[in-house]
Protein backbone atom coordinates (compact mmCIF):
# COMPACT_ATOMS: atom_id res chain seq x y z
CA MET A 1 0.00 0.00 0.00
CA ASN A 2 1.44 3.42 -0.91
CA SER A 3 1.59 6.31 1.55
CA LEU A 4 -1.47 8.12 0.10
CA GLU A 5 -3.57 4.94 0.42
CA ILE A 6 -2.37 4.47 4.01
CA VAL A 7 -3.47 7.97 5.09
CA ARG A 8 -6.75 7.68 3.14
CA ASN A 9 -7.52 4.46 5.02
CA LYS A 10 -6.57 6.03 8.36
CA PHE A 11 -8.87 8.99 7.63
CA LYS A 12 -11.84 6.64 7.20
CA ASN A 13 -11.51 5.90 10.94
CA ASP A 14 -11.17 9.53 12.06
CA GLY A 15 -13.95 9.78 14.64
CA PHE A 16 -13.95 13.59 14.77
CA ALA A 17 -14.10 13.97 10.98
CA ASN A 18 -16.83 11.35 10.76
CA THR A 19 -18.87 13.13 13.45
CA MET A 20 -18.45 16.44 11.62
CA GLY A 21 -19.38 14.92 8.26
CA ILE A 22 -16.05 15.83 6.66
CA ILE A 23 -15.51 14.25 3.25
CA LEU A 24 -12.13 13.76 1.56
CA ASP A 25 -12.56 14.79 -2.08
CA ASP A 26 -9.01 14.72 -3.44
CA LEU A 27 -5.51 14.05 -2.15
CA THR A 28 -2.17 14.27 -3.91
CA GLY A 29 1.36 14.45 -2.56
CA ASN A 30 1.12 18.24 -2.24
CA THR A 31 -2.59 19.15 -2.18
CA ILE A 32 -5.87 18.24 -0.56
CA ARG A 33 -9.54 19.11 -1.00
CA MET A 34 -12.27 18.32 1.53
CA HIS A 35 -15.78 19.54 2.30
CA MET A 36 -18.55 19.38 4.88
CA LYS A 37 -22.14 20.54 5.03
CA LEU A 38 -23.01 23.00 7.74
CA ASP A 39 -26.11 22.27 9.80
CA PRO A 40 -27.54 23.57 13.10
CA SER A 41 -25.36 21.15 15.11
CA LYS A 42 -22.32 23.15 13.95
CA ASN A 43 -23.74 26.54 14.99
CA ASN A 44 -22.80 28.77 17.90
CA PHE A 45 -25.35 30.40 20.22
CA TYR A 46 -25.90 33.16 17.65
CA GLY A 47 -27.11 30.58 15.15
CA ARG A 48 -24.06 31.05 12.92
CA ALA A 49 -21.36 28.54 12.01
CA HIS A 50 -19.12 27.95 15.04
CA GLY A 51 -15.48 28.93 14.53
CA GLY A 52 -14.52 25.51 15.88
CA ALA A 53 -16.42 23.81 13.06
CA ILE A 54 -14.59 25.91 10.47
CA TYR A 55 -11.27 25.26 12.20
CA GLY A 56 -12.11 21.55 12.47
CA LEU A 57 -12.47 21.26 8.70
CA ALA A 58 -9.14 23.01 8.08
CA ASP A 59 -7.43 20.96 10.79
CA ALA A 60 -8.74 17.68 9.34
CA ALA A 61 -7.21 18.67 6.00
CA PHE A 62 -3.95 19.51 7.79
CA SER A 63 -3.92 16.12 9.48
CA VAL A 64 -4.38 14.17 6.25
CA LEU A 65 -2.07 16.27 4.05
CA GLY A 66 0.56 16.44 6.77
CA ASN A 67 0.62 12.69 7.30
CA ASN A 68 0.52 11.60 3.66
CA CYS A 69 4.19 10.53 3.50
CA ASN A 70 3.85 7.57 5.90
CA ASN A 71 5.63 9.61 8.54
CA ILE A 72 3.70 10.34 11.74
CA SER A 73 3.55 14.11 12.03
CA VAL A 74 2.33 16.35 14.85
CA ALA A 75 1.19 19.95 14.78
CA VAL A 76 3.62 22.57 16.05
CA GLU A 77 1.58 25.66 15.21
CA CYS A 78 -1.71 26.56 13.54
CA SER A 79 -2.92 30.09 12.92
CA ILE A 80 -6.38 30.69 11.49
CA SER A 81 -7.93 33.95 10.31
CA TYR A 82 -11.69 34.22 9.82
CA HIS A 83 -12.82 36.45 6.96
CA ALA A 84 -16.59 35.87 6.68
CA SER A 85 -19.41 33.93 8.27
CA PRO A 86 -20.87 31.27 5.98
CA GLU A 87 -24.59 31.13 5.31
CA ASP A 88 -26.79 28.55 7.04
CA ASN A 89 -26.63 25.06 5.54
CA ALA A 90 -23.74 26.03 3.24
CA ILE A 91 -21.19 23.53 2.07
CA LEU A 92 -17.73 24.49 3.31
CA HIS A 93 -14.77 23.53 1.15
CA VAL A 94 -11.10 23.51 2.10
CA ASP A 95 -8.15 23.43 -0.26
CA GLY A 96 -4.70 22.82 1.18
CA VAL A 97 -1.23 23.05 -0.29
CA VAL A 98 2.29 22.33 0.94
CA LEU A 99 4.27 25.58 1.18
CA SER A 100 7.55 24.03 2.25
CA SER A 101 8.75 20.63 3.33
CA SER A 102 11.92 19.20 4.77
CA ARG A 103 12.79 15.92 6.44
CA LYS A 104 11.50 17.18 9.82
CA ILE A 105 9.33 20.28 9.24
CA GLY A 106 6.41 21.03 6.90
CA THR A 107 4.42 24.23 6.40
CA PHE A 108 0.97 24.30 4.81
CA LEU A 109 -1.69 26.79 3.73
CA PHE A 110 -5.42 26.01 3.87
CA THR A 111 -8.20 28.07 2.33
CA VAL A 112 -11.78 27.56 3.54
CA TYR A 113 -14.54 28.87 1.28
CA THR A 114 -18.09 28.44 0.03
CA GLU A 115 -19.09 28.26 -3.60
CA GLU A 116 -22.19 29.83 -5.07
CA SER A 117 -23.21 30.53 -8.65
CA SER A 118 -21.73 34.03 -8.18
CA GLY A 119 -18.33 32.58 -7.21
CA LYS A 120 -16.32 31.69 -4.13
CA THR A 121 -16.61 33.40 -0.77
CA LEU A 122 -13.47 33.24 1.37
CA ILE A 123 -14.38 32.11 4.88
CA ALA A 124 -10.99 31.48 6.53
CA THR A 125 -7.30 30.85 5.91
CA MET A 126 -5.04 28.73 8.10
CA LYS A 127 -1.27 28.44 8.04
CA SER A 128 0.05 25.37 9.83
CA THR A 129 3.43 23.90 10.68
CA LEU A 130 4.19 20.32 11.69
CA TYR A 131 7.04 18.20 12.94
CA ARG A 132 7.72 14.79 11.37
CA THR A 133 8.61 12.17 13.99
CA GLY A 134 10.30 9.76 11.61
CA LYS A 135 7.99 6.93 12.72
CA HIS A 136 5.92 5.09 10.12
CA ILE A 137 2.13 5.04 10.26
CA VAL A 138 0.84 1.63 11.19
CA GLU A 139 -1.43 0.34 8.43
CA GLY A 140 -4.93 -0.82 9.18
């Protein structure tokens, strides 16, 4: 099994992502795309999408993209900026890309947005850095 298949299989058992309804749409060695549908269970007490739900989608993408080399990696830093509040029941998308990568450190950029017929609306951006432990992911 190649490293992308290993992390795809691991993601299928991600309890948090499954609870949130996060779907993996595409994964390459350097990019990822995921989405989730917002619903009232992901709202704050104002009835708007909770920042934690938005962050959770971006962080799930970080976890998968950051661990796609069969090298267990852990977050060192994540910084998210919120730009807009998505509409009720919107589908949130996240695109992620590797900015830089070395044997031990990786830096990534994630863009969270909605898509309507009029175009994309930027919801949040997250820059994240990880440390690679050098340990292989156990398959299964």
